[in-house]
Amino acid sequence: QVQLEESGGGLVQAGGSMRLSCVASGGDISEHVMGWFRHAFGKEREFVAGITWSGDTTDYAASVKGRFKISRDNAKNTIYLEMNNLKPEDTAVYHCGISAIVPIVRTAFASWGQGTLVTVSS
């Protein structure tokens, strides 16, 4: 069973940048799609970004497109989320997931990590 562990969160001021990491272990994730989601207080989990195995296809939520960039290093079993021009509304617990459906299907992710908290102050 694949286990996912996120890291890199913390406190940042509006307009700042941050990079999150998610490491997969305990299983083979070859050819699998991976993605980032976030869960803010009082709101449902929402899709942030997804990326295919090769990295040739990505998908971004409209709210983060142009500000965030997802990438992966398959040799390290790791995906990243580069976040720029952060806004207070980006405050949430960010967690990663894995999907066996290609291309990216936002509702098909599972094996959720525990998440890392990102707090953006105004």
N, C-alpha and C. Protein backbone atom coordinates (compact mmCIF):
# COMPACT_ATOMS: atom_id res chain seq x y z
N GLN A 1 0.84 -1.18 0.00
CA GLN A 1 0.00 0.00 0.00
C GLN A 1 0.88 1.24 0.00
N VAL A 2 0.60 2.17 -0.90
CA VAL A 2 1.39 3.38 -1.01
C VAL A 2 1.07 4.33 0.13
N GLN A 3 2.11 4.89 0.72
CA GLN A 3 1.97 5.90 1.76
C GLN A 3 2.51 7.22 1.24
N LEU A 4 1.84 8.31 1.59
CA LEU A 4 2.22 9.63 1.13
C LEU A 4 2.49 10.53 2.32
N GLU A 5 3.55 11.32 2.23
CA GLU A 5 3.91 12.23 3.31
C GLU A 5 4.24 13.60 2.74
N GLU A 6 3.48 14.60 3.17
CA GLU A 6 3.67 15.97 2.71
C GLU A 6 4.56 16.74 3.68
N SER A 7 5.24 17.75 3.16
CA SER A 7 6.06 18.62 3.99
C SER A 7 6.23 19.96 3.30
N GLY A 8 6.74 20.94 4.03
CA GLY A 8 7.06 22.23 3.45
C GLY A 8 6.13 23.36 3.83
N GLY A 9 5.05 23.07 4.52
CA GLY A 9 4.12 24.11 4.89
C GLY A 9 4.65 24.98 6.01
N GLY A 10 3.91 26.05 6.29
CA GLY A 10 4.30 26.97 7.33
C GLY A 10 3.56 28.28 7.19
N LEU A 11 4.10 29.32 7.80
CA LEU A 11 3.51 30.65 7.79
C LEU A 11 4.23 31.53 6.78
N VAL A 12 3.47 32.21 5.95
CA VAL A 12 4.03 33.09 4.94
C VAL A 12 3.12 34.30 4.78
N GLN A 13 3.69 35.44 4.46
CA GLN A 13 2.90 36.64 4.23
C GLN A 13 2.33 36.66 2.81
N ALA A 14 1.21 37.34 2.65
CA ALA A 14 0.61 37.47 1.34
C ALA A 14 1.63 38.02 0.34
N GLY A 15 1.63 37.43 -0.84
CA GLY A 15 2.58 37.81 -1.86
C GLY A 15 3.84 36.97 -1.87
N GLY A 16 4.02 36.18 -0.84
CA GLY A 16 5.20 35.35 -0.72
C GLY A 16 5.08 34.05 -1.48
N SER A 17 6.13 33.23 -1.37
CA SER A 17 6.20 31.96 -2.08
C SER A 17 6.55 30.83 -1.13
N MET A 18 6.22 29.62 -1.54
CA MET A 18 6.49 28.44 -0.74
C MET A 18 6.48 27.23 -1.65
N ARG A 19 7.28 26.22 -1.31
CA ARG A 19 7.29 24.97 -2.06
C ARG A 19 6.96 23.81 -1.15
N LEU A 20 5.98 23.03 -1.55
CA LEU A 20 5.58 21.84 -0.82
C LEU A 20 6.13 20.59 -1.51
N SER A 21 6.37 19.55 -0.72
CA SER A 21 6.84 18.28 -1.24
C SER A 21 5.94 17.16 -0.75
N CYS A 22 5.84 16.11 -1.55
CA CYS A 22 5.09 14.92 -1.17
C CYS A 22 5.88 13.71 -1.63
N VAL A 23 6.26 12.86 -0.69
CA VAL A 23 7.05 11.67 -0.98
C VAL A 23 6.17 10.43 -0.87
N ALA A 24 6.22 9.58 -1.88
CA ALA A 24 5.49 8.33 -1.89
C ALA A 24 6.42 7.18 -1.52
N SER A 25 5.92 6.24 -0.73
CA SER A 25 6.71 5.09 -0.33
C SER A 25 5.81 3.88 -0.14
N GLY A 26 6.42 2.70 -0.10
CA GLY A 26 5.68 1.49 0.21
C GLY A 26 4.97 0.83 -0.96
N GLY A 27 5.16 1.33 -2.16
CA GLY A 27 4.50 0.74 -3.31
C GLY A 27 5.03 1.32 -4.61
N ASP A 28 4.61 0.72 -5.69
CA ASP A 28 5.02 1.15 -7.02
C ASP A 28 4.01 2.16 -7.56
N ILE A 29 4.48 3.36 -7.86
CA ILE A 29 3.60 4.39 -8.40
C ILE A 29 3.85 4.64 -9.88
N SER A 30 4.56 3.73 -10.52
CA SER A 30 4.85 3.88 -11.94
C SER A 30 3.57 4.08 -12.73
N GLU A 31 3.59 5.06 -13.63
CA GLU A 31 2.50 5.37 -14.53
C GLU A 31 1.29 6.00 -13.84
N HIS A 32 1.39 6.27 -12.55
CA HIS A 32 0.27 6.84 -11.83
C HIS A 32 0.28 8.36 -11.85
N VAL A 33 -0.91 8.91 -11.85
CA VAL A 33 -1.09 10.35 -11.73
C VAL A 33 -1.01 10.74 -10.25
N MET A 34 -0.42 11.87 -9.96
CA MET A 34 -0.41 12.38 -8.61
C MET A 34 -0.89 13.83 -8.61
N GLY A 35 -1.39 14.26 -7.47
CA GLY A 35 -1.93 15.60 -7.42
C GLY A 35 -1.95 16.20 -6.03
N TRP A 36 -2.23 17.49 -5.99
CA TRP A 36 -2.36 18.24 -4.75
C TRP A 36 -3.79 18.69 -4.54
N PHE A 37 -4.24 18.59 -3.31
CA PHE A 37 -5.54 19.06 -2.89
C PHE A 37 -5.37 19.92 -1.65
N ARG A 38 -6.38 20.69 -1.31
CA ARG A 38 -6.33 21.46 -0.08
C ARG A 38 -7.68 21.45 0.59
N HIS A 39 -7.64 21.59 1.91
CA HIS A 39 -8.84 21.55 2.72
C HIS A 39 -8.79 22.70 3.71
N ALA A 40 -9.57 23.72 3.45
CA ALA A 40 -9.65 24.87 4.34
C ALA A 40 -10.73 24.66 5.39
N PHE A 41 -10.59 25.34 6.52
CA PHE A 41 -11.57 25.21 7.59
C PHE A 41 -12.96 25.59 7.11
N GLY A 42 -13.92 24.72 7.38
CA GLY A 42 -15.30 24.99 7.02
C GLY A 42 -15.64 24.75 5.56
N LYS A 43 -14.69 24.26 4.78
CA LYS A 43 -14.93 24.01 3.37
C LYS A 43 -14.55 22.58 3.01
N GLU A 44 -15.07 22.12 1.90
CA GLU A 44 -14.74 20.79 1.42
C GLU A 44 -13.36 20.78 0.76
N ARG A 45 -12.78 19.60 0.69
CA ARG A 45 -11.52 19.44 -0.01
C ARG A 45 -11.69 19.87 -1.46
N GLU A 46 -10.71 20.60 -1.97
CA GLU A 46 -10.77 21.02 -3.35
C GLU A 46 -9.49 20.65 -4.09
N PHE A 47 -9.66 20.36 -5.35
CA PHE A 47 -8.54 20.04 -6.22
C PHE A 47 -7.69 21.28 -6.47
N VAL A 48 -6.36 21.10 -6.44
CA VAL A 48 -5.44 22.20 -6.69
C VAL A 48 -4.69 21.99 -8.00
N ALA A 49 -4.02 20.83 -8.12
CA ALA A 49 -3.22 20.56 -9.31
C ALA A 49 -2.96 19.08 -9.44
N GLY A 50 -2.79 18.61 -10.67
CA GLY A 50 -2.47 17.23 -10.93
C GLY A 50 -1.42 17.11 -12.02
N ILE A 51 -0.72 15.98 -12.04
CA ILE A 51 0.33 15.78 -13.02
C ILE A 51 0.44 14.30 -13.37
N THR A 52 0.63 14.00 -14.65
CA THR A 52 0.79 12.62 -15.09
C THR A 52 2.20 12.14 -14.83
N TRP A 53 2.44 10.84 -15.04
CA TRP A 53 3.73 10.23 -14.76
C TRP A 53 4.87 10.92 -15.49
N SER A 54 4.67 11.19 -16.76
CA SER A 54 5.72 11.80 -17.56
C SER A 54 5.87 13.30 -17.30
N GLY A 55 4.85 13.89 -16.71
CA GLY A 55 4.87 15.32 -16.49
C GLY A 55 4.41 16.13 -17.69
N ASP A 56 4.03 15.45 -18.76
CA ASP A 56 3.63 16.15 -19.98
C ASP A 56 2.24 16.77 -19.89
N THR A 57 1.42 16.27 -18.98
CA THR A 57 0.07 16.79 -18.81
C THR A 57 -0.14 17.25 -17.38
N THR A 58 -0.63 18.47 -17.22
CA THR A 58 -0.95 19.01 -15.91
C THR A 58 -2.34 19.60 -15.93
N ASP A 59 -2.90 19.78 -14.75
CA ASP A 59 -4.23 20.33 -14.59
C ASP A 59 -4.22 21.21 -13.34
N TYR A 60 -4.79 22.41 -13.45
CA TYR A 60 -4.80 23.34 -12.34
C TYR A 60 -6.20 23.88 -12.10
N ALA A 61 -6.52 24.07 -10.83
CA ALA A 61 -7.75 24.76 -10.50
C ALA A 61 -7.64 26.21 -10.97
N ALA A 62 -8.76 26.78 -11.37
CA ALA A 62 -8.75 28.15 -11.88
C ALA A 62 -8.20 29.14 -10.86
N SER A 63 -8.43 28.88 -9.58
CA SER A 63 -8.01 29.80 -8.54
C SER A 63 -6.50 29.87 -8.35
N VAL A 64 -5.76 28.88 -8.85
CA VAL A 64 -4.31 28.86 -8.66
C VAL A 64 -3.54 28.90 -9.98
N LYS A 65 -4.23 28.79 -11.08
CA LYS A 65 -3.57 28.77 -12.38
C LYS A 65 -2.78 30.06 -12.59
N GLY A 66 -1.53 29.90 -13.00
CA GLY A 66 -0.65 31.04 -13.20
C GLY A 66 0.15 31.41 -11.97
N ARG A 67 -0.25 30.91 -10.80
CA ARG A 67 0.47 31.18 -9.55
C ARG A 67 1.18 29.95 -9.02
N PHE A 68 0.58 28.79 -9.19
CA PHE A 68 1.15 27.54 -8.68
C PHE A 68 1.67 26.70 -9.84
N LYS A 69 2.69 25.89 -9.55
CA LYS A 69 3.21 24.96 -10.54
C LYS A 69 3.50 23.62 -9.90
N ILE A 70 2.95 22.56 -10.49
CA ILE A 70 3.19 21.21 -10.00
C ILE A 70 4.28 20.55 -10.83
N SER A 71 5.12 19.75 -10.18
CA SER A 71 6.17 19.02 -10.88
C SER A 71 6.43 17.72 -10.14
N ARG A 72 7.22 16.83 -10.75
CA ARG A 72 7.54 15.57 -10.07
C ARG A 72 8.93 15.10 -10.44
N ASP A 73 9.52 14.35 -9.53
CA ASP A 73 10.81 13.71 -9.72
C ASP A 73 10.60 12.24 -9.44
N ASN A 74 10.40 11.46 -10.49
CA ASN A 74 10.06 10.06 -10.32
C ASN A 74 11.18 9.24 -9.68
N ALA A 75 12.43 9.64 -9.88
CA ALA A 75 13.55 8.95 -9.27
C ALA A 75 13.51 9.07 -7.75
N LYS A 76 12.89 10.14 -7.26
CA LYS A 76 12.76 10.38 -5.82
C LYS A 76 11.37 10.08 -5.29
N ASN A 77 10.48 9.59 -6.16
CA ASN A 77 9.10 9.30 -5.77
C ASN A 77 8.45 10.52 -5.12
N THR A 78 8.70 11.67 -5.69
CA THR A 78 8.29 12.92 -5.07
C THR A 78 7.59 13.84 -6.07
N ILE A 79 6.55 14.52 -5.60
CA ILE A 79 5.95 15.60 -6.36
C ILE A 79 6.10 16.89 -5.57
N TYR A 80 6.06 18.00 -6.27
CA TYR A 80 6.24 19.31 -5.65
C TYR A 80 5.10 20.23 -6.06
N LEU A 81 4.88 21.23 -5.23
CA LEU A 81 3.95 22.29 -5.56
C LEU A 81 4.62 23.61 -5.25
N GLU A 82 4.97 24.34 -6.29
CA GLU A 82 5.55 25.67 -6.14
C GLU A 82 4.43 26.68 -6.12
N MET A 83 4.34 27.43 -5.05
CA MET A 83 3.26 28.39 -4.86
C MET A 83 3.85 29.79 -4.82
N ASN A 84 3.35 30.65 -5.69
CA ASN A 84 3.81 32.03 -5.77
C ASN A 84 2.64 32.98 -5.60
N ASN A 85 2.96 34.22 -5.23
CA ASN A 85 1.95 35.25 -5.02
C ASN A 85 0.81 34.72 -4.16
N LEU A 86 1.17 34.17 -3.02
CA LEU A 86 0.18 33.57 -2.14
C LEU A 86 -0.79 34.60 -1.59
N LYS A 87 -2.03 34.15 -1.42
CA LYS A 87 -3.11 34.98 -0.91
C LYS A 87 -3.68 34.38 0.36
N PRO A 88 -4.29 35.19 1.22
CA PRO A 88 -4.90 34.63 2.43
C PRO A 88 -5.88 33.50 2.16
N GLU A 89 -6.59 33.56 1.05
CA GLU A 89 -7.54 32.51 0.72
C GLU A 89 -6.87 31.19 0.33
N ASP A 90 -5.55 31.18 0.19
CA ASP A 90 -4.82 29.95 -0.05
C ASP A 90 -4.57 29.18 1.25
N THR A 91 -4.87 29.77 2.38
CA THR A 91 -4.67 29.12 3.67
C THR A 91 -5.48 27.83 3.74
N ALA A 92 -4.81 26.72 4.01
CA ALA A 92 -5.47 25.42 4.06
C ALA A 92 -4.46 24.36 4.43
N VAL A 93 -4.96 23.16 4.72
CA VAL A 93 -4.11 21.99 4.82
C VAL A 93 -3.96 21.42 3.42
N TYR A 94 -2.74 21.32 2.96
CA TYR A 94 -2.48 20.80 1.63
C TYR A 94 -2.04 19.34 1.73
N HIS A 95 -2.66 18.49 0.94
CA HIS A 95 -2.29 17.08 0.95
C HIS A 95 -2.26 16.55 -0.48
N CYS A 96 -1.55 15.46 -0.65
CA CYS A 96 -1.42 14.88 -1.98
C CYS A 96 -2.16 13.57 -2.06
N GLY A 97 -2.42 13.16 -3.29
CA GLY A 97 -3.12 11.91 -3.55
C GLY A 97 -2.60 11.27 -4.81
N ILE A 98 -3.04 10.05 -5.06
CA ILE A 98 -2.59 9.30 -6.22
C ILE A 98 -3.79 8.74 -6.97
N SER A 99 -3.67 8.68 -8.29
CA SER A 99 -4.75 8.19 -9.13
C SER A 99 -4.21 7.24 -10.18
N ALA A 100 -4.98 6.20 -10.48
CA ALA A 100 -4.62 5.25 -11.53
C ALA A 100 -5.29 5.58 -12.86
N ILE A 101 -6.06 6.66 -12.89
CA ILE A 101 -6.80 7.04 -14.09
C ILE A 101 -6.01 8.07 -14.89
N VAL A 102 -5.82 7.76 -16.15
CA VAL A 102 -5.07 8.63 -17.06
C VAL A 102 -5.97 9.03 -18.22
N PRO A 103 -6.04 10.30 -18.59
CA PRO A 103 -5.32 11.43 -17.99
C PRO A 103 -5.87 11.82 -16.62
N ILE A 104 -5.77 13.07 -16.26
CA ILE A 104 -6.11 13.50 -14.91
C ILE A 104 -7.61 13.62 -14.73
N VAL A 105 -8.14 12.89 -13.75
CA VAL A 105 -9.54 12.96 -13.36
C VAL A 105 -9.58 13.42 -11.92
N ARG A 106 -10.15 14.57 -11.67
CA ARG A 106 -10.06 15.20 -10.37
C ARG A 106 -10.72 14.43 -9.24
N THR A 107 -11.70 13.61 -9.57
CA THR A 107 -12.42 12.86 -8.56
C THR A 107 -11.87 11.46 -8.33
N ALA A 108 -10.79 11.09 -9.00
CA ALA A 108 -10.30 9.72 -8.97
C ALA A 108 -9.11 9.49 -8.04
N PHE A 109 -8.74 10.47 -7.25
CA PHE A 109 -7.56 10.35 -6.40
C PHE A 109 -7.88 9.65 -5.08
N ALA A 110 -6.91 8.90 -4.59
CA ALA A 110 -7.04 8.19 -3.32
C ALA A 110 -5.68 8.12 -2.64
N SER A 111 -5.57 7.31 -1.59
CA SER A 111 -4.33 7.15 -0.83
C SER A 111 -3.81 8.50 -0.34
N TRP A 112 -4.68 9.25 0.30
CA TRP A 112 -4.37 10.61 0.76
C TRP A 112 -3.27 10.65 1.80
N GLY A 113 -2.43 11.67 1.71
CA GLY A 113 -1.47 11.93 2.76
C GLY A 113 -2.12 12.66 3.92
N GLN A 114 -1.37 12.88 4.99
CA GLN A 114 -1.91 13.54 6.18
C GLN A 114 -1.97 15.05 6.04
N GLY A 115 -1.19 15.62 5.14
CA GLY A 115 -1.26 17.03 4.86
C GLY A 115 -0.23 17.87 5.57
N THR A 116 -0.01 19.06 5.03
CA THR A 116 0.87 20.05 5.64
C THR A 116 0.14 21.40 5.60
N LEU A 117 0.18 22.12 6.71
CA LEU A 117 -0.59 23.35 6.86
C LEU A 117 0.15 24.54 6.26
N VAL A 118 -0.55 25.27 5.41
CA VAL A 118 -0.05 26.52 4.84
C VAL A 118 -0.93 27.65 5.35
N THR A 119 -0.31 28.61 6.01
CA THR A 119 -1.04 29.76 6.53
C THR A 119 -0.49 31.03 5.89
N VAL A 120 -1.36 31.76 5.20
CA VAL A 120 -0.96 32.99 4.52
C VAL A 120 -1.57 34.16 5.27
N SER A 121 -0.73 35.01 5.80
CA SER A 121 -1.19 36.16 6.57
C SER A 121 -1.31 37.39 5.69
N SER A 122 -2.24 38.27 6.02
CA SER A 122 -2.44 39.50 5.27
C SER A 122 -1.66 40.64 5.87
